[in-house]
Amino acid sequence: MMNNEKRNRAHALIFTVFSISTTIEAYIYSIAYIASNWVSVPRTLIALLSIWPPLWLLIGGAIMGPISDAIGRRRSLYLSLIMYVVGSLSLILSINYAFLLFSIAILMLAVGGEYNTVMISSHEYFPSSVRSRAVYLILNFTNLGGALAAALALANITSVMLQKLTLGLTILIIIPVLYLLRSLIPESPYWLS
């Protein structure tokens, strides 16, 4: 009985961690489009901004998959947190188009890699009896992240610096929470075998 209780607590923690992760992933993805108003964009490069986030999202997924296999699911989640911090700080400090693209690239690399890790880990952590429901619910938290970013964008904050601080600091505040929660989850049982 105690074993089931421990397992249920572990699954609840993993569900919470991954739900927060997918929320922040969608939030970051939305930031890329909000941030496009922060700097003057050369007319010839406007189209680049529309494909930039999905491009780096795909690259992140392709790169972080093998990294996650090599270093473990849990460590790759920590790596994405470091990338979130670097990307958030550079986003707040972005002063031109190139710096903005760099910031978005770092953030989207982290999102693409973390999304992969969350999906794979969800399948590895949850038993088959609840796996599909858990994964479905975890992925639905992306809607919350997009709604949060939209609410901040619509908050009528006209100062670009205030927008940068609001969006960037939101990410920087959630990182310690994610770090603490992720430190409590065990390594993926399949990676350990």
N, C-alpha and C. Protein backbone atom coordinates (compact mmCIF):
# COMPACT_ATOMS: atom_id res chain seq x y z
N MET A 1 0.83 -1.19 0.00
CA MET A 1 0.00 0.00 0.00
C MET A 1 0.87 1.26 0.00
N MET A 2 1.90 1.27 0.83
CA MET A 2 2.80 2.41 0.90
C MET A 2 3.49 2.63 -0.43
N ASN A 3 3.84 1.55 -1.13
CA ASN A 3 4.49 1.64 -2.42
C ASN A 3 3.60 2.37 -3.43
N ASN A 4 2.31 2.03 -3.46
CA ASN A 4 1.37 2.71 -4.35
C ASN A 4 1.24 4.18 -4.02
N GLU A 5 1.22 4.49 -2.73
CA GLU A 5 1.11 5.88 -2.30
C GLU A 5 2.33 6.68 -2.75
N LYS A 6 3.53 6.11 -2.59
CA LYS A 6 4.75 6.78 -3.05
C LYS A 6 4.73 6.97 -4.56
N ARG A 7 4.29 5.94 -5.27
CA ARG A 7 4.22 6.01 -6.72
C ARG A 7 3.23 7.09 -7.16
N ASN A 8 2.09 7.17 -6.49
CA ASN A 8 1.10 8.19 -6.83
C ASN A 8 1.63 9.59 -6.58
N ARG A 9 2.35 9.77 -5.48
CA ARG A 9 2.96 11.07 -5.20
C ARG A 9 4.00 11.43 -6.26
N ALA A 10 4.80 10.45 -6.64
CA ALA A 10 5.82 10.69 -7.68
C ALA A 10 5.16 11.06 -9.00
N HIS A 11 4.09 10.36 -9.36
CA HIS A 11 3.39 10.68 -10.61
C HIS A 11 2.75 12.06 -10.55
N ALA A 12 2.21 12.43 -9.39
CA ALA A 12 1.62 13.77 -9.24
C ALA A 12 2.68 14.85 -9.40
N LEU A 13 3.87 14.61 -8.83
CA LEU A 13 4.96 15.56 -8.96
C LEU A 13 5.42 15.67 -10.41
N ILE A 14 5.60 14.54 -11.06
CA ILE A 14 6.03 14.54 -12.46
C ILE A 14 4.99 15.24 -13.33
N PHE A 15 3.73 14.97 -13.09
CA PHE A 15 2.66 15.63 -13.84
C PHE A 15 2.73 17.15 -13.64
N THR A 16 2.94 17.59 -12.42
CA THR A 16 3.03 19.03 -12.12
C THR A 16 4.23 19.65 -12.83
N VAL A 17 5.38 19.02 -12.74
CA VAL A 17 6.59 19.53 -13.37
C VAL A 17 6.40 19.64 -14.88
N PHE A 18 5.88 18.60 -15.50
CA PHE A 18 5.72 18.61 -16.94
C PHE A 18 4.63 19.58 -17.41
N SER A 19 3.60 19.76 -16.59
CA SER A 19 2.55 20.72 -16.93
C SER A 19 3.07 22.15 -16.89
N ILE A 20 3.88 22.46 -15.88
CA ILE A 20 4.51 23.78 -15.82
C ILE A 20 5.45 23.94 -17.01
N SER A 21 6.15 22.88 -17.36
CA SER A 21 7.08 22.93 -18.48
C SER A 21 6.36 23.26 -19.79
N THR A 22 5.26 22.59 -20.07
CA THR A 22 4.56 22.87 -21.33
C THR A 22 3.92 24.25 -21.31
N THR A 23 3.53 24.73 -20.12
CA THR A 23 3.01 26.10 -20.02
C THR A 23 4.08 27.10 -20.40
N ILE A 24 5.27 26.95 -19.84
CA ILE A 24 6.35 27.90 -20.11
C ILE A 24 6.84 27.77 -21.55
N GLU A 25 6.78 26.58 -22.13
CA GLU A 25 7.17 26.39 -23.52
C GLU A 25 6.29 27.22 -24.45
N ALA A 26 4.98 27.14 -24.26
CA ALA A 26 4.06 27.90 -25.11
C ALA A 26 4.20 29.40 -24.87
N TYR A 27 4.45 29.77 -23.64
CA TYR A 27 4.66 31.17 -23.29
C TYR A 27 5.87 31.73 -24.04
N ILE A 28 6.96 30.99 -24.01
CA ILE A 28 8.17 31.42 -24.70
C ILE A 28 7.96 31.49 -26.21
N TYR A 29 7.27 30.50 -26.75
CA TYR A 29 7.00 30.50 -28.19
C TYR A 29 6.23 31.76 -28.58
N SER A 30 5.28 32.16 -27.77
CA SER A 30 4.48 33.36 -28.05
C SER A 30 5.30 34.64 -27.92
N ILE A 31 6.28 34.64 -27.02
CA ILE A 31 7.12 35.82 -26.81
C ILE A 31 7.82 36.22 -28.11
N ALA A 32 8.21 35.25 -28.90
CA ALA A 32 8.92 35.54 -30.14
C ALA A 32 8.13 36.51 -31.01
N TYR A 33 6.84 36.36 -31.05
CA TYR A 33 6.00 37.22 -31.89
C TYR A 33 5.71 38.55 -31.22
N ILE A 34 5.61 38.56 -29.91
CA ILE A 34 5.41 39.81 -29.18
C ILE A 34 6.67 40.67 -29.29
N ALA A 35 7.83 40.04 -29.20
CA ALA A 35 9.11 40.75 -29.22
C ALA A 35 9.43 41.39 -30.56
N SER A 36 8.74 40.99 -31.60
CA SER A 36 9.04 41.54 -32.93
C SER A 36 8.78 43.04 -33.01
N ASN A 37 8.02 43.58 -32.07
CA ASN A 37 7.75 45.02 -32.05
C ASN A 37 8.77 45.81 -31.25
N TRP A 38 9.74 45.14 -30.67
CA TRP A 38 10.69 45.81 -29.79
C TRP A 38 11.82 46.52 -30.52
N VAL A 39 12.12 46.06 -31.71
CA VAL A 39 13.23 46.65 -32.48
C VAL A 39 12.74 46.93 -33.89
N SER A 40 13.48 47.76 -34.59
CA SER A 40 13.12 47.99 -35.99
C SER A 40 13.63 46.80 -36.80
N VAL A 41 12.73 46.26 -37.58
CA VAL A 41 13.03 45.08 -38.38
C VAL A 41 13.26 45.52 -39.81
N PRO A 42 14.43 45.18 -40.36
CA PRO A 42 14.66 45.52 -41.77
C PRO A 42 13.57 44.90 -42.65
N ARG A 43 13.01 45.68 -43.52
CA ARG A 43 11.88 45.23 -44.35
C ARG A 43 12.18 43.93 -45.08
N THR A 44 13.41 43.77 -45.53
CA THR A 44 13.78 42.57 -46.28
C THR A 44 13.84 41.32 -45.39
N LEU A 45 13.87 41.53 -44.07
CA LEU A 45 14.00 40.39 -43.16
C LEU A 45 12.73 40.09 -42.36
N ILE A 46 11.62 40.77 -42.69
CA ILE A 46 10.38 40.54 -41.96
C ILE A 46 9.95 39.08 -42.06
N ALA A 47 10.08 38.50 -43.23
CA ALA A 47 9.69 37.09 -43.42
C ALA A 47 10.52 36.16 -42.55
N LEU A 48 11.78 36.52 -42.31
CA LEU A 48 12.65 35.68 -41.47
C LEU A 48 12.08 35.55 -40.06
N LEU A 49 11.51 36.62 -39.53
CA LEU A 49 10.97 36.59 -38.19
C LEU A 49 9.78 35.63 -38.08
N SER A 50 9.05 35.44 -39.18
CA SER A 50 7.90 34.53 -39.12
C SER A 50 8.32 33.06 -39.10
N ILE A 51 9.46 32.74 -39.69
CA ILE A 51 9.90 31.34 -39.69
C ILE A 51 10.95 31.04 -38.61
N TRP A 52 11.49 32.08 -37.99
CA TRP A 52 12.58 31.92 -37.02
C TRP A 52 12.20 31.03 -35.83
N PRO A 53 11.09 31.30 -35.12
CA PRO A 53 10.77 30.45 -33.96
C PRO A 53 10.54 28.98 -34.33
N PRO A 54 9.72 28.67 -35.35
CA PRO A 54 9.54 27.23 -35.65
C PRO A 54 10.82 26.56 -36.13
N LEU A 55 11.68 27.32 -36.82
CA LEU A 55 12.94 26.75 -37.29
C LEU A 55 13.80 26.31 -36.12
N TRP A 56 13.96 27.17 -35.12
CA TRP A 56 14.79 26.84 -33.96
C TRP A 56 14.11 25.84 -33.04
N LEU A 57 12.80 25.82 -33.06
CA LEU A 57 12.05 24.79 -32.32
C LEU A 57 12.39 23.40 -32.88
N LEU A 58 12.37 23.29 -34.20
CA LEU A 58 12.71 22.01 -34.85
C LEU A 58 14.17 21.63 -34.60
N ILE A 59 15.06 22.60 -34.70
CA ILE A 59 16.48 22.33 -34.46
C ILE A 59 16.69 21.88 -33.02
N GLY A 60 16.01 22.55 -32.08
CA GLY A 60 16.11 22.16 -30.67
C GLY A 60 15.67 20.74 -30.44
N GLY A 61 14.55 20.35 -31.08
CA GLY A 61 14.07 18.98 -30.95
C GLY A 61 15.05 17.98 -31.52
N ALA A 62 15.65 18.32 -32.65
CA ALA A 62 16.60 17.41 -33.30
C ALA A 62 17.90 17.27 -32.51
N ILE A 63 18.37 18.36 -31.94
CA ILE A 63 19.64 18.34 -31.21
C ILE A 63 19.48 17.74 -29.81
N MET A 64 18.42 18.16 -29.13
CA MET A 64 18.27 17.76 -27.72
C MET A 64 17.84 16.31 -27.56
N GLY A 65 17.23 15.73 -28.57
CA GLY A 65 16.87 14.32 -28.48
C GLY A 65 18.08 13.44 -28.21
N PRO A 66 19.10 13.50 -29.07
CA PRO A 66 20.31 12.71 -28.82
C PRO A 66 21.04 13.13 -27.53
N ILE A 67 21.01 14.43 -27.21
CA ILE A 67 21.65 14.88 -25.96
C ILE A 67 20.94 14.27 -24.77
N SER A 68 19.61 14.27 -24.81
CA SER A 68 18.82 13.67 -23.73
C SER A 68 19.11 12.18 -23.60
N ASP A 69 19.27 11.50 -24.74
CA ASP A 69 19.61 10.08 -24.70
C ASP A 69 20.99 9.85 -24.09
N ALA A 70 21.91 10.78 -24.33
CA ALA A 70 23.28 10.62 -23.85
C ALA A 70 23.43 10.99 -22.37
N ILE A 71 22.81 12.08 -21.95
CA ILE A 71 23.05 12.55 -20.57
C ILE A 71 21.90 12.24 -19.61
N GLY A 72 20.78 11.82 -20.13
CA GLY A 72 19.62 11.51 -19.28
C GLY A 72 18.54 12.56 -19.41
N ARG A 73 17.31 12.14 -19.14
CA ARG A 73 16.16 13.04 -19.28
C ARG A 73 16.25 14.18 -18.28
N ARG A 74 16.55 13.85 -17.05
CA ARG A 74 16.57 14.86 -15.99
C ARG A 74 17.64 15.91 -16.25
N ARG A 75 18.83 15.50 -16.64
CA ARG A 75 19.91 16.46 -16.91
C ARG A 75 19.57 17.34 -18.11
N SER A 76 18.92 16.79 -19.11
CA SER A 76 18.57 17.61 -20.27
C SER A 76 17.51 18.65 -19.89
N LEU A 77 16.67 18.33 -18.92
CA LEU A 77 15.71 19.34 -18.43
C LEU A 77 16.44 20.47 -17.72
N TYR A 78 17.52 20.16 -17.02
CA TYR A 78 18.33 21.21 -16.40
C TYR A 78 19.04 22.05 -17.46
N LEU A 79 19.52 21.40 -18.50
CA LEU A 79 20.17 22.12 -19.60
C LEU A 79 19.21 23.13 -20.22
N SER A 80 17.96 22.74 -20.40
CA SER A 80 16.99 23.68 -20.98
C SER A 80 16.74 24.85 -20.04
N LEU A 81 16.80 24.63 -18.73
CA LEU A 81 16.64 25.74 -17.78
C LEU A 81 17.77 26.76 -17.94
N ILE A 82 18.98 26.27 -18.12
CA ILE A 82 20.13 27.17 -18.34
C ILE A 82 19.91 27.97 -19.61
N MET A 83 19.44 27.32 -20.66
CA MET A 83 19.18 28.01 -21.92
C MET A 83 18.05 29.03 -21.76
N TYR A 84 17.05 28.73 -20.93
CA TYR A 84 15.99 29.70 -20.67
C TYR A 84 16.55 30.96 -20.00
N VAL A 85 17.45 30.78 -19.04
CA VAL A 85 18.04 31.92 -18.35
C VAL A 85 18.86 32.77 -19.33
N VAL A 86 19.72 32.12 -20.12
CA VAL A 86 20.55 32.85 -21.08
C VAL A 86 19.66 33.57 -22.11
N GLY A 87 18.69 32.86 -22.65
CA GLY A 87 17.79 33.46 -23.63
C GLY A 87 16.96 34.59 -23.06
N SER A 88 16.47 34.43 -21.83
CA SER A 88 15.66 35.47 -21.19
C SER A 88 16.47 36.73 -20.93
N LEU A 89 17.67 36.54 -20.40
CA LEU A 89 18.52 37.71 -20.13
C LEU A 89 18.88 38.43 -21.42
N SER A 90 19.22 37.67 -22.46
CA SER A 90 19.56 38.34 -23.72
C SER A 90 18.33 38.96 -24.36
N LEU A 91 17.16 38.39 -24.13
CA LEU A 91 15.92 38.98 -24.64
C LEU A 91 15.65 40.33 -23.97
N ILE A 92 15.83 40.38 -22.67
CA ILE A 92 15.63 41.63 -21.93
C ILE A 92 16.62 42.70 -22.42
N LEU A 93 17.84 42.26 -22.71
CA LEU A 93 18.89 43.21 -23.12
C LEU A 93 18.94 43.47 -24.62
N SER A 94 18.09 42.82 -25.39
CA SER A 94 18.16 42.96 -26.85
C SER A 94 17.93 44.40 -27.28
N ILE A 95 18.85 44.88 -28.10
CA ILE A 95 18.78 46.27 -28.54
C ILE A 95 18.64 46.39 -30.06
N ASN A 96 18.82 45.28 -30.75
CA ASN A 96 18.68 45.33 -32.21
C ASN A 96 18.13 44.01 -32.73
N TYR A 97 17.90 43.96 -34.00
CA TYR A 97 17.28 42.81 -34.64
C TYR A 97 18.12 41.54 -34.49
N ALA A 98 19.42 41.66 -34.68
CA ALA A 98 20.30 40.48 -34.59
C ALA A 98 20.30 39.90 -33.18
N PHE A 99 20.35 40.76 -32.18
CA PHE A 99 20.34 40.32 -30.78
C PHE A 99 19.00 39.68 -30.44
N LEU A 100 17.93 40.24 -30.97
CA LEU A 100 16.59 39.67 -30.76
C LEU A 100 16.51 38.27 -31.36
N LEU A 101 17.04 38.11 -32.59
CA LEU A 101 17.03 36.79 -33.24
C LEU A 101 17.86 35.79 -32.44
N PHE A 102 19.00 36.23 -31.93
CA PHE A 102 19.85 35.36 -31.10
C PHE A 102 19.08 34.90 -29.86
N SER A 103 18.42 35.83 -29.18
CA SER A 103 17.67 35.51 -27.96
C SER A 103 16.57 34.51 -28.25
N ILE A 104 15.83 34.77 -29.31
CA ILE A 104 14.73 33.88 -29.69
C ILE A 104 15.27 32.50 -30.06
N ALA A 105 16.40 32.46 -30.76
CA ALA A 105 16.99 31.17 -31.15
C ALA A 105 17.35 30.34 -29.91
N ILE A 106 17.98 30.96 -28.92
CA ILE A 106 18.36 30.24 -27.70
C ILE A 106 17.11 29.73 -26.98
N LEU A 107 16.11 30.61 -26.84
CA LEU A 107 14.88 30.21 -26.15
C LEU A 107 14.17 29.08 -26.89
N MET A 108 14.11 29.18 -28.21
CA MET A 108 13.39 28.16 -28.97
C MET A 108 14.17 26.84 -29.04
N LEU A 109 15.49 26.90 -29.01
CA LEU A 109 16.28 25.66 -28.90
C LEU A 109 15.90 24.93 -27.61
N ALA A 110 15.80 25.70 -26.53
CA ALA A 110 15.43 25.12 -25.24
C ALA A 110 14.02 24.55 -25.28
N VAL A 111 13.10 25.31 -25.87
CA VAL A 111 11.70 24.84 -25.95
C VAL A 111 11.61 23.56 -26.77
N GLY A 112 12.25 23.53 -27.93
CA GLY A 112 12.20 22.34 -28.77
C GLY A 112 12.78 21.12 -28.08
N GLY A 113 13.90 21.32 -27.41
CA GLY A 113 14.52 20.21 -26.70
C GLY A 113 13.71 19.77 -25.50
N GLU A 114 13.18 20.74 -24.77
CA GLU A 114 12.41 20.38 -23.58
C GLU A 114 11.10 19.70 -23.96
N TYR A 115 10.47 20.17 -25.02
CA TYR A 115 9.21 19.55 -25.45
C TYR A 115 9.43 18.08 -25.76
N ASN A 116 10.51 17.80 -26.48
CA ASN A 116 10.87 16.41 -26.77
C ASN A 116 11.06 15.60 -25.49
N THR A 117 11.83 16.16 -24.57
CA THR A 117 12.13 15.45 -23.33
C THR A 117 10.88 15.22 -22.50
N VAL A 118 10.00 16.22 -22.44
CA VAL A 118 8.75 16.07 -21.69
C VAL A 118 7.90 14.96 -22.31
N MET A 119 7.81 14.95 -23.62
CA MET A 119 7.00 13.92 -24.30
C MET A 119 7.57 12.52 -24.06
N ILE A 120 8.87 12.38 -24.25
CA ILE A 120 9.51 11.08 -24.07
C ILE A 120 9.41 10.64 -22.61
N SER A 121 9.74 11.55 -21.70
CA SER A 121 9.71 11.22 -20.28
C SER A 121 8.30 10.87 -19.81
N SER A 122 7.30 11.58 -20.33
CA SER A 122 5.92 11.28 -19.95
C SER A 122 5.57 9.84 -20.29
N HIS A 123 6.05 9.39 -21.43
CA HIS A 123 5.78 8.01 -21.82
C HIS A 123 6.59 7.01 -20.99
N GLU A 124 7.74 7.45 -20.50
CA GLU A 124 8.57 6.55 -19.71
C GLU A 124 8.15 6.50 -18.23
N TYR A 125 7.68 7.61 -17.70
CA TYR A 125 7.35 7.67 -16.28
C TYR A 125 5.98 7.10 -15.94
N PHE A 126 4.99 7.34 -16.79
CA PHE A 126 3.63 6.96 -16.45
C PHE A 126 3.31 5.54 -16.92
N PRO A 127 2.61 4.78 -16.10
CA PRO A 127 2.23 3.41 -16.49
C PRO A 127 1.20 3.47 -17.62
N SER A 128 1.13 2.41 -18.38
CA SER A 128 0.24 2.39 -19.56
C SER A 128 -1.22 2.64 -19.20
N SER A 129 -1.62 2.33 -17.98
CA SER A 129 -3.02 2.51 -17.59
C SER A 129 -3.45 3.98 -17.55
N VAL A 130 -2.51 4.90 -17.33
CA VAL A 130 -2.85 6.33 -17.27
C VAL A 130 -2.04 7.17 -18.26
N ARG A 131 -1.16 6.55 -18.99
CA ARG A 131 -0.22 7.28 -19.85
C ARG A 131 -0.91 8.22 -20.83
N SER A 132 -1.86 7.74 -21.58
CA SER A 132 -2.48 8.59 -22.61
C SER A 132 -3.21 9.77 -22.00
N ARG A 133 -3.91 9.56 -20.88
CA ARG A 133 -4.59 10.67 -20.21
C ARG A 133 -3.60 11.69 -19.66
N ALA A 134 -2.53 11.19 -19.05
CA ALA A 134 -1.53 12.09 -18.47
C ALA A 134 -0.87 12.94 -19.55
N VAL A 135 -0.46 12.30 -20.64
CA VAL A 135 0.20 13.04 -21.72
C VAL A 135 -0.77 14.06 -22.33
N TYR A 136 -2.00 13.66 -22.54
CA TYR A 136 -3.00 14.57 -23.10
C TYR A 136 -3.18 15.79 -22.21
N LEU A 137 -3.31 15.58 -20.92
CA LEU A 137 -3.51 16.70 -19.99
C LEU A 137 -2.26 17.58 -19.90
N ILE A 138 -1.09 16.96 -19.88
CA ILE A 138 0.16 17.73 -19.84
C ILE A 138 0.25 18.65 -21.06
N LEU A 139 -0.04 18.11 -22.22
CA LEU A 139 0.06 18.91 -23.44
C LEU A 139 -0.97 20.03 -23.49
N ASN A 140 -2.10 19.86 -22.82
CA ASN A 140 -3.11 20.91 -22.80
C ASN A 140 -2.68 22.13 -22.00
N PHE A 141 -1.65 22.01 -21.20
CA PHE A 141 -1.15 23.18 -20.48
C PHE A 141 -0.45 24.17 -21.40
N THR A 142 -0.16 23.76 -22.64
CA THR A 142 0.38 24.72 -23.61
C THR A 142 -0.64 25.83 -23.87
N ASN A 143 -1.92 25.51 -23.81
CA ASN A 143 -2.94 26.54 -23.99
C ASN A 143 -2.84 27.62 -22.92
N LEU A 144 -2.53 27.21 -21.70
CA LEU A 144 -2.38 28.16 -20.61
C LEU A 144 -1.20 29.10 -20.86
N GLY A 145 -0.11 28.57 -21.34
CA GLY A 145 1.08 29.39 -21.62
C GLY A 145 0.81 30.42 -22.70
N GLY A 146 0.14 29.99 -23.76
CA GLY A 146 -0.21 30.93 -24.83
C GLY A 146 -1.17 32.00 -24.34
N ALA A 147 -2.14 31.61 -23.51
CA ALA A 147 -3.10 32.57 -22.97
C ALA A 147 -2.41 33.56 -22.04
N LEU A 148 -1.45 33.09 -21.26
CA LEU A 148 -0.70 33.97 -20.36
C LEU A 148 0.09 35.01 -21.16
N ALA A 149 0.77 34.57 -22.20
CA ALA A 149 1.53 35.50 -23.04
C ALA A 149 0.60 36.50 -23.73
N ALA A 150 -0.55 36.02 -24.20
CA ALA A 150 -1.51 36.91 -24.84
C ALA A 150 -2.05 37.94 -23.85
N ALA A 151 -2.32 37.51 -22.62
CA ALA A 151 -2.82 38.44 -21.60
C ALA A 151 -1.79 39.53 -21.31
N LEU A 152 -0.52 39.12 -21.23
CA LEU A 152 0.52 40.12 -21.00
C LEU A 152 0.69 41.05 -22.19
N ALA A 153 0.52 40.52 -23.39
CA ALA A 153 0.62 41.35 -24.58
C ALA A 153 -0.53 42.35 -24.66
N LEU A 154 -1.70 41.94 -24.19
CA LEU A 154 -2.88 42.80 -24.24
C LEU A 154 -3.03 43.69 -23.02
N ALA A 155 -2.10 43.62 -22.09
CA ALA A 155 -2.20 44.38 -20.84
C ALA A 155 -1.98 45.88 -21.04
N ASN A 156 -1.87 46.29 -22.28
CA ASN A 156 -1.71 47.70 -22.64
C ASN A 156 -0.44 48.30 -22.03
N ILE A 157 0.61 47.50 -22.03
CA ILE A 157 1.91 48.00 -21.59
C ILE A 157 2.57 48.58 -22.83
N THR A 158 2.69 49.90 -22.87
CA THR A 158 3.20 50.54 -24.09
C THR A 158 4.71 50.67 -24.11
N SER A 159 5.34 50.69 -22.96
CA SER A 159 6.79 50.82 -22.90
C SER A 159 7.44 49.50 -23.30
N VAL A 160 8.32 49.57 -24.28
CA VAL A 160 9.02 48.37 -24.73
C VAL A 160 9.87 47.80 -23.59
N MET A 161 10.52 48.69 -22.84
CA MET A 161 11.36 48.22 -21.73
C MET A 161 10.50 47.51 -20.68
N LEU A 162 9.33 48.03 -20.40
CA LEU A 162 8.44 47.39 -19.44
C LEU A 162 7.94 46.05 -19.96
N GLN A 163 7.67 45.97 -21.27
CA GLN A 163 7.28 44.69 -21.87
C GLN A 163 8.41 43.68 -21.74
N LYS A 164 9.62 44.12 -22.05
CA LYS A 164 10.79 43.23 -21.94
C LYS A 164 10.94 42.71 -20.52
N LEU A 165 10.86 43.62 -19.57
CA LEU A 165 11.02 43.21 -18.17
C LEU A 165 9.90 42.28 -17.74
N THR A 166 8.67 42.59 -18.12
CA THR A 166 7.53 41.75 -17.73
C THR A 166 7.66 40.35 -18.30
N LEU A 167 7.92 40.26 -19.60
CA LEU A 167 8.02 38.95 -20.24
C LEU A 167 9.28 38.20 -19.81
N GLY A 168 10.40 38.90 -19.78
CA GLY A 168 11.65 38.24 -19.39
C GLY A 168 11.67 37.81 -17.94
N LEU A 169 11.20 38.69 -17.05
CA LEU A 169 11.22 38.36 -15.63
C LEU A 169 10.23 37.25 -15.28
N THR A 170 9.15 37.17 -16.03
CA THR A 170 8.21 36.06 -15.81
C THR A 170 8.93 34.73 -16.00
N ILE A 171 9.76 34.66 -17.03
CA ILE A 171 10.52 33.44 -17.28
C ILE A 171 11.55 33.22 -16.17
N LEU A 172 12.25 34.29 -15.81
CA LEU A 172 13.30 34.16 -14.80
C LEU A 172 12.75 33.80 -13.42
N ILE A 173 11.52 34.19 -13.14
CA ILE A 173 10.91 33.84 -11.86
C ILE A 173 10.51 32.36 -11.83
N ILE A 174 10.02 31.86 -12.96
CA ILE A 174 9.55 30.47 -13.00
C ILE A 174 10.72 29.47 -13.02
N ILE A 175 11.89 29.90 -13.46
CA ILE A 175 13.05 28.99 -13.56
C ILE A 175 13.42 28.38 -12.21
N PRO A 176 13.56 29.17 -11.12
CA PRO A 176 13.88 28.54 -9.83
C PRO A 176 12.81 27.56 -9.36
N VAL A 177 11.55 27.87 -9.65
CA VAL A 177 10.46 26.96 -9.28
C VAL A 177 10.63 25.64 -10.02
N LEU A 178 10.86 25.74 -11.34
CA LEU A 178 11.06 24.52 -12.13
C LEU A 178 12.30 23.75 -11.66
N TYR A 179 13.37 24.48 -11.35
CA TYR A 179 14.58 23.82 -10.88
C TYR A 179 14.31 23.01 -9.61
N LEU A 180 13.65 23.64 -8.65
CA LEU A 180 13.35 22.95 -7.39
C LEU A 180 12.46 21.73 -7.61
N LEU A 181 11.44 21.89 -8.43
CA LEU A 181 10.54 20.76 -8.69
C LEU A 181 11.25 19.65 -9.46
N ARG A 182 12.06 20.03 -10.45
CA ARG A 182 12.76 19.02 -11.24
C ARG A 182 13.80 18.27 -10.41
N SER A 183 14.34 18.92 -9.40
CA SER A 183 15.33 18.23 -8.56
C SER A 183 14.68 17.12 -7.74
N LEU A 184 13.35 17.15 -7.61
CA LEU A 184 12.64 16.14 -6.83
C LEU A 184 12.24 14.91 -7.65
N ILE A 185 12.26 15.04 -8.99
CA ILE A 185 11.85 13.88 -9.79
C ILE A 185 13.05 12.97 -10.03
N PRO A 186 12.81 11.68 -10.08
CA PRO A 186 13.91 10.74 -10.34
C PRO A 186 14.28 10.74 -11.82
N GLU A 187 15.41 10.16 -12.12
CA GLU A 187 15.79 9.98 -13.52
C GLU A 187 14.82 8.99 -14.16
N SER A 188 14.63 9.13 -15.45
CA SER A 188 13.76 8.24 -16.18
C SER A 188 14.20 6.78 -15.99
N PRO A 189 13.27 5.91 -15.63
CA PRO A 189 13.65 4.51 -15.39
C PRO A 189 14.21 3.82 -16.63
N TYR A 190 13.77 4.21 -17.80
CA TYR A 190 14.27 3.57 -19.03
C TYR A 190 15.66 4.05 -19.38
N TRP A 191 15.97 5.31 -19.05
CA TRP A 191 17.31 5.79 -19.32
C TRP A 191 18.31 5.10 -18.41
N LEU A 192 17.90 4.79 -17.18
CA LEU A 192 18.80 4.15 -16.23
C LEU A 192 19.09 2.69 -16.58
N SER A 193 18.17 2.05 -17.33
CA SER A 193 18.36 0.61 -17.60
C SER A 193 19.31 0.35 -18.73
